Amino acid sequence: MKKKLHLPYLPEFFPNYINIIQRRLLDDMRKFYLLPRFEQTRSFPDEEIYEKKLYILSVIYGSMSNQLGDMVLKNIDKWASQSDLPKPLIEDYIRKARCHGVRQFRMWEISRIRKPSLFPPTLSPG
């Protein structure tokens, strides 16, 4: 009886413990890293805000089960430099986000996002 008795019983006693831990990890990554970084973009010059927000949002909505997550992981170096987020954070977040309640994001949705015009429609030059 040199076996530790509590180890075989833990997974059966808490059958969803891995899902609960992963969901909590994703929530904390969003709350303490991704969303604060998104909010910090307000202090950037206007021409940088739009791109930085898109890069950070694509990390938030990317997962292993959508094309956005695939695109981010294939271009991880660019995403890390453009979003100012650590590369391991981006990789871990997207790899864990596959089935834990993160809204699925379709690639065609990103094409609907337009850079805001500097001029309202009534004041546009020309």
N, C-alpha and C. Protein backbone atom coordinates (compact mmCIF):
# COMPACT_ATOMS: atom_id res chain seq x y z
N MET A 1 0.83 -1.20 0.00
CA MET A 1 0.00 0.00 0.00
C MET A 1 0.87 1.25 0.00
N LYS A 2 1.83 1.29 -0.87
CA LYS A 2 2.66 2.47 -0.96
C LYS A 2 2.04 3.52 -1.88
N LYS A 3 0.97 3.17 -2.58
CA LYS A 3 0.29 4.12 -3.45
C LYS A 3 -0.38 5.22 -2.62
N LYS A 4 -0.42 6.39 -3.20
CA LYS A 4 -1.16 7.47 -2.54
C LYS A 4 -2.63 7.26 -2.87
N LEU A 5 -3.44 7.11 -1.87
CA LEU A 5 -4.84 6.75 -2.06
C LEU A 5 -5.68 7.88 -2.64
N HIS A 6 -5.32 9.13 -2.40
CA HIS A 6 -6.17 10.23 -2.85
C HIS A 6 -6.07 10.48 -4.36
N LEU A 7 -4.99 10.11 -5.01
CA LEU A 7 -4.82 10.42 -6.43
C LEU A 7 -5.84 9.74 -7.34
N PRO A 8 -6.15 8.45 -7.17
CA PRO A 8 -7.12 7.85 -8.09
C PRO A 8 -8.54 8.40 -7.91
N TYR A 9 -8.84 8.97 -6.77
CA TYR A 9 -10.20 9.41 -6.49
C TYR A 9 -10.47 10.85 -6.91
N LEU A 10 -9.45 11.65 -7.00
CA LEU A 10 -9.64 13.06 -7.31
C LEU A 10 -10.36 13.30 -8.65
N PRO A 11 -9.92 12.70 -9.77
CA PRO A 11 -10.63 12.96 -11.03
C PRO A 11 -12.09 12.52 -11.00
N GLU A 12 -12.41 11.46 -10.29
CA GLU A 12 -13.79 11.01 -10.24
C GLU A 12 -14.63 11.87 -9.30
N PHE A 13 -14.00 12.40 -8.29
CA PHE A 13 -14.73 13.22 -7.32
C PHE A 13 -15.07 14.59 -7.91
N PHE A 14 -14.16 15.13 -8.72
CA PHE A 14 -14.38 16.41 -9.41
C PHE A 14 -14.26 16.16 -10.92
N PRO A 15 -15.29 15.61 -11.54
CA PRO A 15 -15.17 15.22 -12.95
C PRO A 15 -14.90 16.38 -13.90
N ASN A 16 -15.32 17.58 -13.58
CA ASN A 16 -15.13 18.72 -14.48
C ASN A 16 -14.03 19.67 -14.01
N TYR A 17 -13.15 19.19 -13.15
CA TYR A 17 -12.17 20.10 -12.57
C TYR A 17 -11.24 20.71 -13.63
N ILE A 18 -10.89 19.95 -14.65
CA ILE A 18 -10.01 20.50 -15.69
C ILE A 18 -10.72 21.61 -16.45
N ASN A 19 -11.97 21.40 -16.82
CA ASN A 19 -12.73 22.45 -17.53
C ASN A 19 -12.90 23.69 -16.67
N ILE A 20 -13.15 23.50 -15.39
CA ILE A 20 -13.33 24.63 -14.48
C ILE A 20 -12.03 25.42 -14.37
N ILE A 21 -10.92 24.73 -14.23
CA ILE A 21 -9.62 25.40 -14.11
C ILE A 21 -9.28 26.14 -15.40
N GLN A 22 -9.51 25.50 -16.55
CA GLN A 22 -9.21 26.15 -17.83
C GLN A 22 -10.10 27.37 -18.07
N ARG A 23 -11.35 27.27 -17.73
CA ARG A 23 -12.26 28.42 -17.89
C ARG A 23 -11.81 29.57 -16.99
N ARG A 24 -11.44 29.25 -15.76
CA ARG A 24 -10.97 30.29 -14.84
C ARG A 24 -9.68 30.92 -15.36
N LEU A 25 -8.79 30.09 -15.91
CA LEU A 25 -7.56 30.61 -16.47
C LEU A 25 -7.85 31.57 -17.63
N LEU A 26 -8.74 31.18 -18.54
CA LEU A 26 -9.10 32.05 -19.66
C LEU A 26 -9.72 33.36 -19.19
N ASP A 27 -10.61 33.26 -18.22
CA ASP A 27 -11.25 34.47 -17.67
C ASP A 27 -10.20 35.41 -17.09
N ASP A 28 -9.25 34.85 -16.34
CA ASP A 28 -8.20 35.68 -15.74
C ASP A 28 -7.26 36.27 -16.79
N MET A 29 -6.96 35.50 -17.82
CA MET A 29 -6.10 36.03 -18.89
C MET A 29 -6.78 37.21 -19.58
N ARG A 30 -8.08 37.08 -19.83
CA ARG A 30 -8.83 38.19 -20.43
C ARG A 30 -8.87 39.38 -19.49
N LYS A 31 -9.21 39.11 -18.23
CA LYS A 31 -9.44 40.18 -17.25
C LYS A 31 -8.15 40.94 -16.90
N PHE A 32 -7.04 40.22 -16.74
CA PHE A 32 -5.82 40.86 -16.23
C PHE A 32 -4.79 41.20 -17.31
N TYR A 33 -4.92 40.65 -18.51
CA TYR A 33 -3.93 40.92 -19.55
C TYR A 33 -4.53 41.49 -20.82
N LEU A 34 -5.51 40.78 -21.40
CA LEU A 34 -6.00 41.17 -22.72
C LEU A 34 -6.87 42.43 -22.68
N LEU A 35 -7.85 42.47 -21.81
CA LEU A 35 -8.73 43.64 -21.75
C LEU A 35 -8.01 44.90 -21.26
N PRO A 36 -7.13 44.81 -20.25
CA PRO A 36 -6.38 46.02 -19.88
C PRO A 36 -5.49 46.52 -21.03
N ARG A 37 -4.90 45.59 -21.79
CA ARG A 37 -4.08 45.99 -22.93
C ARG A 37 -4.95 46.68 -23.99
N PHE A 38 -6.15 46.16 -24.18
CA PHE A 38 -7.09 46.78 -25.12
C PHE A 38 -7.43 48.20 -24.67
N GLU A 39 -7.66 48.39 -23.39
CA GLU A 39 -7.99 49.72 -22.86
C GLU A 39 -6.80 50.67 -22.95
N GLN A 40 -5.59 50.17 -22.83
CA GLN A 40 -4.40 51.02 -22.91
C GLN A 40 -4.20 51.63 -24.29
N THR A 41 -4.81 51.04 -25.30
CA THR A 41 -4.63 51.57 -26.65
C THR A 41 -5.22 52.97 -26.80
N ARG A 42 -6.06 53.38 -25.88
CA ARG A 42 -6.64 54.73 -25.95
C ARG A 42 -5.57 55.82 -25.86
N SER A 43 -4.46 55.50 -25.22
CA SER A 43 -3.41 56.50 -25.05
C SER A 43 -2.46 56.57 -26.26
N PHE A 44 -2.66 55.72 -27.26
CA PHE A 44 -1.80 55.70 -28.43
C PHE A 44 -2.24 56.78 -29.43
N PRO A 45 -1.34 57.15 -30.34
CA PRO A 45 -1.74 58.08 -31.40
C PRO A 45 -2.87 57.47 -32.23
N ASP A 46 -3.72 58.32 -32.79
CA ASP A 46 -4.91 57.86 -33.51
C ASP A 46 -4.62 56.83 -34.59
N GLU A 47 -3.52 57.01 -35.33
CA GLU A 47 -3.24 56.09 -36.43
C GLU A 47 -2.85 54.69 -35.94
N GLU A 48 -2.41 54.57 -34.69
CA GLU A 48 -2.02 53.26 -34.14
C GLU A 48 -3.17 52.56 -33.42
N ILE A 49 -4.14 53.31 -32.93
CA ILE A 49 -5.21 52.74 -32.12
C ILE A 49 -5.97 51.66 -32.88
N TYR A 50 -6.36 51.95 -34.09
CA TYR A 50 -7.20 51.05 -34.89
C TYR A 50 -6.52 49.69 -35.08
N GLU A 51 -5.26 49.70 -35.53
CA GLU A 51 -4.56 48.43 -35.78
C GLU A 51 -4.33 47.66 -34.49
N LYS A 52 -3.90 48.33 -33.45
CA LYS A 52 -3.63 47.63 -32.18
C LYS A 52 -4.89 46.98 -31.65
N LYS A 53 -6.01 47.69 -31.72
CA LYS A 53 -7.27 47.12 -31.24
C LYS A 53 -7.65 45.89 -32.04
N LEU A 54 -7.47 45.92 -33.35
CA LEU A 54 -7.79 44.76 -34.18
C LEU A 54 -6.92 43.55 -33.80
N TYR A 55 -5.64 43.78 -33.58
CA TYR A 55 -4.75 42.68 -33.21
C TYR A 55 -5.15 42.09 -31.86
N ILE A 56 -5.45 42.95 -30.89
CA ILE A 56 -5.82 42.45 -29.56
C ILE A 56 -7.18 41.75 -29.61
N LEU A 57 -8.14 42.31 -30.32
CA LEU A 57 -9.45 41.66 -30.45
C LEU A 57 -9.35 40.31 -31.14
N SER A 58 -8.47 40.20 -32.11
CA SER A 58 -8.32 38.92 -32.80
C SER A 58 -7.75 37.86 -31.87
N VAL A 59 -6.93 38.26 -30.91
CA VAL A 59 -6.45 37.30 -29.91
C VAL A 59 -7.61 36.90 -29.00
N ILE A 60 -8.40 37.87 -28.56
CA ILE A 60 -9.51 37.58 -27.65
C ILE A 60 -10.51 36.62 -28.29
N TYR A 61 -10.81 36.81 -29.57
CA TYR A 61 -11.82 35.99 -30.24
C TYR A 61 -11.26 34.79 -30.99
N GLY A 62 -9.95 34.68 -31.07
CA GLY A 62 -9.35 33.53 -31.74
C GLY A 62 -9.40 32.29 -30.87
N SER A 63 -9.48 31.13 -31.51
CA SER A 63 -9.45 29.86 -30.78
C SER A 63 -8.96 28.78 -31.73
N MET A 64 -8.75 27.60 -31.21
CA MET A 64 -8.29 26.48 -32.04
C MET A 64 -9.39 26.00 -32.98
N SER A 65 -10.61 26.41 -32.74
CA SER A 65 -11.72 25.92 -33.56
C SER A 65 -12.22 26.97 -34.56
N ASN A 66 -11.45 28.04 -34.79
CA ASN A 66 -11.86 28.99 -35.83
C ASN A 66 -10.65 29.46 -36.63
N GLN A 67 -10.91 30.04 -37.78
CA GLN A 67 -9.84 30.47 -38.68
C GLN A 67 -9.04 31.62 -38.11
N LEU A 68 -9.66 32.42 -37.30
CA LEU A 68 -8.97 33.56 -36.70
C LEU A 68 -7.83 33.07 -35.80
N GLY A 69 -8.11 32.06 -34.98
CA GLY A 69 -7.08 31.49 -34.13
C GLY A 69 -5.94 30.89 -34.93
N ASP A 70 -6.28 30.20 -36.03
CA ASP A 70 -5.25 29.64 -36.92
C ASP A 70 -4.37 30.73 -37.49
N MET A 71 -4.99 31.82 -37.94
CA MET A 71 -4.25 32.92 -38.53
C MET A 71 -3.30 33.56 -37.51
N VAL A 72 -3.78 33.75 -36.29
CA VAL A 72 -2.95 34.35 -35.25
C VAL A 72 -1.75 33.45 -34.94
N LEU A 73 -1.99 32.15 -34.78
CA LEU A 73 -0.90 31.24 -34.44
C LEU A 73 0.12 31.10 -35.58
N LYS A 74 -0.34 31.16 -36.82
CA LYS A 74 0.59 31.07 -37.95
C LYS A 74 1.46 32.32 -38.08
N ASN A 75 0.97 33.44 -37.57
CA ASN A 75 1.70 34.71 -37.64
C ASN A 75 1.98 35.25 -36.24
N ILE A 76 2.33 34.36 -35.33
CA ILE A 76 2.45 34.71 -33.91
C ILE A 76 3.46 35.83 -33.66
N ASP A 77 4.56 35.86 -34.39
CA ASP A 77 5.57 36.90 -34.16
C ASP A 77 5.00 38.29 -34.48
N LYS A 78 4.27 38.38 -35.58
CA LYS A 78 3.65 39.66 -35.94
C LYS A 78 2.61 40.06 -34.90
N TRP A 79 1.80 39.11 -34.44
CA TRP A 79 0.75 39.42 -33.47
C TRP A 79 1.37 39.88 -32.15
N ALA A 80 2.44 39.23 -31.73
CA ALA A 80 3.09 39.62 -30.47
C ALA A 80 3.64 41.04 -30.56
N SER A 81 4.28 41.36 -31.68
CA SER A 81 4.86 42.71 -31.79
C SER A 81 3.78 43.78 -31.98
N GLN A 82 2.74 43.49 -32.75
CA GLN A 82 1.70 44.49 -33.00
C GLN A 82 0.79 44.73 -31.80
N SER A 83 0.56 43.70 -31.00
CA SER A 83 -0.35 43.84 -29.86
C SER A 83 0.38 44.16 -28.56
N ASP A 84 1.71 44.06 -28.59
CA ASP A 84 2.53 44.24 -27.38
C ASP A 84 2.15 43.26 -26.28
N LEU A 85 1.75 42.07 -26.68
CA LEU A 85 1.44 41.00 -25.74
C LEU A 85 2.52 39.94 -25.85
N PRO A 86 2.86 39.27 -24.75
CA PRO A 86 3.88 38.22 -24.82
C PRO A 86 3.41 37.06 -25.70
N LYS A 87 4.33 36.56 -26.50
CA LYS A 87 4.03 35.45 -27.41
C LYS A 87 3.46 34.23 -26.67
N PRO A 88 4.05 33.81 -25.54
CA PRO A 88 3.48 32.64 -24.83
C PRO A 88 2.05 32.87 -24.34
N LEU A 89 1.73 34.10 -23.96
CA LEU A 89 0.37 34.41 -23.52
C LEU A 89 -0.62 34.22 -24.67
N ILE A 90 -0.28 34.73 -25.83
CA ILE A 90 -1.15 34.60 -27.00
C ILE A 90 -1.35 33.13 -27.36
N GLU A 91 -0.25 32.39 -27.42
CA GLU A 91 -0.33 30.96 -27.77
C GLU A 91 -1.17 30.19 -26.77
N ASP A 92 -0.91 30.38 -25.50
CA ASP A 92 -1.66 29.65 -24.47
C ASP A 92 -3.13 30.01 -24.50
N TYR A 93 -3.43 31.29 -24.65
CA TYR A 93 -4.83 31.71 -24.65
C TYR A 93 -5.59 31.07 -25.80
N ILE A 94 -5.05 31.15 -27.00
CA ILE A 94 -5.76 30.60 -28.16
C ILE A 94 -5.87 29.08 -28.08
N ARG A 95 -4.85 28.42 -27.61
CA ARG A 95 -4.90 26.95 -27.51
C ARG A 95 -5.92 26.49 -26.47
N LYS A 96 -6.12 27.25 -25.43
CA LYS A 96 -7.08 26.87 -24.39
C LYS A 96 -8.50 27.32 -24.71
N ALA A 97 -8.65 28.29 -25.60
CA ALA A 97 -9.96 28.92 -25.83
C ALA A 97 -10.88 28.10 -26.73
N ARG A 98 -10.49 26.91 -27.13
CA ARG A 98 -11.26 26.19 -28.16
C ARG A 98 -12.69 25.87 -27.77
N CYS A 99 -12.98 25.57 -26.53
CA CYS A 99 -14.36 25.13 -26.22
C CYS A 99 -14.80 25.59 -24.84
N HIS A 100 -14.40 26.75 -24.45
CA HIS A 100 -14.72 27.19 -23.09
C HIS A 100 -15.57 28.44 -23.07
N GLY A 101 -16.53 28.50 -23.95
CA GLY A 101 -17.49 29.60 -23.91
C GLY A 101 -17.04 30.87 -24.61
N VAL A 102 -15.89 30.84 -25.28
CA VAL A 102 -15.46 32.01 -26.02
C VAL A 102 -16.26 32.05 -27.32
N ARG A 103 -16.86 33.19 -27.60
CA ARG A 103 -17.70 33.34 -28.79
C ARG A 103 -16.89 33.02 -30.05
N GLN A 104 -17.47 32.24 -30.92
CA GLN A 104 -16.81 31.90 -32.18
C GLN A 104 -16.81 33.12 -33.09
N PHE A 105 -15.72 33.39 -33.73
CA PHE A 105 -15.55 34.55 -34.58
C PHE A 105 -15.28 34.06 -36.00
N ARG A 106 -16.03 34.55 -36.95
CA ARG A 106 -15.85 34.12 -38.34
C ARG A 106 -15.01 35.14 -39.09
N MET A 107 -14.19 34.66 -40.00
CA MET A 107 -13.29 35.55 -40.73
C MET A 107 -14.04 36.63 -41.49
N TRP A 108 -15.21 36.34 -42.04
CA TRP A 108 -15.93 37.35 -42.80
C TRP A 108 -16.36 38.51 -41.91
N GLU A 109 -16.49 38.27 -40.61
CA GLU A 109 -16.90 39.36 -39.71
C GLU A 109 -15.82 40.43 -39.61
N ILE A 110 -14.56 40.02 -39.67
CA ILE A 110 -13.48 41.00 -39.54
C ILE A 110 -13.43 41.92 -40.75
N SER A 111 -13.87 41.44 -41.91
CA SER A 111 -13.87 42.29 -43.10
C SER A 111 -14.93 43.38 -43.01
N ARG A 112 -15.88 43.24 -42.11
CA ARG A 112 -16.93 44.25 -41.95
C ARG A 112 -16.48 45.40 -41.05
N ILE A 113 -15.35 45.24 -40.38
CA ILE A 113 -14.83 46.30 -39.52
C ILE A 113 -14.11 47.30 -40.40
N ARG A 114 -14.48 48.53 -40.30
CA ARG A 114 -13.89 49.59 -41.12
C ARG A 114 -13.16 50.59 -40.23
N LYS A 115 -12.06 51.08 -40.77
CA LYS A 115 -11.33 52.12 -40.08
C LYS A 115 -12.20 53.37 -40.07
N PRO A 116 -12.36 54.00 -38.90
CA PRO A 116 -13.21 55.19 -38.85
C PRO A 116 -12.62 56.32 -39.69
N SER A 117 -13.48 57.03 -40.34
CA SER A 117 -13.06 58.16 -41.17
C SER A 117 -12.67 59.32 -40.27
N LEU A 118 -11.71 60.09 -40.73
CA LEU A 118 -11.31 61.28 -39.97
C LEU A 118 -12.36 62.37 -40.06
N PHE A 119 -13.17 62.31 -41.12
CA PHE A 119 -14.19 63.32 -41.33
C PHE A 119 -15.57 62.69 -41.27
N PRO A 120 -16.53 63.34 -40.63
CA PRO A 120 -17.91 62.85 -40.73
C PRO A 120 -18.34 62.92 -42.19
N PRO A 121 -19.34 62.11 -42.61
CA PRO A 121 -19.76 62.09 -44.02
C PRO A 121 -20.07 63.47 -44.59
N THR A 122 -20.60 64.37 -43.78
CA THR A 122 -20.98 65.70 -44.30
C THR A 122 -19.77 66.61 -44.46
N LEU A 123 -18.64 66.29 -43.80
CA LEU A 123 -17.46 67.15 -43.88
C LEU A 123 -16.34 66.54 -44.70
N SER A 124 -16.57 65.40 -45.32
CA SER A 124 -15.48 64.74 -46.03
C SER A 124 -15.03 65.58 -47.22
N PRO A 125 -13.71 65.64 -47.43
CA PRO A 125 -13.18 66.47 -48.51
C PRO A 125 -13.57 65.91 -49.87
N GLY A 126 -13.70 66.78 -50.82
CA GLY A 126 -13.95 66.33 -52.18
C GLY A 126 -15.33 66.51 -52.54
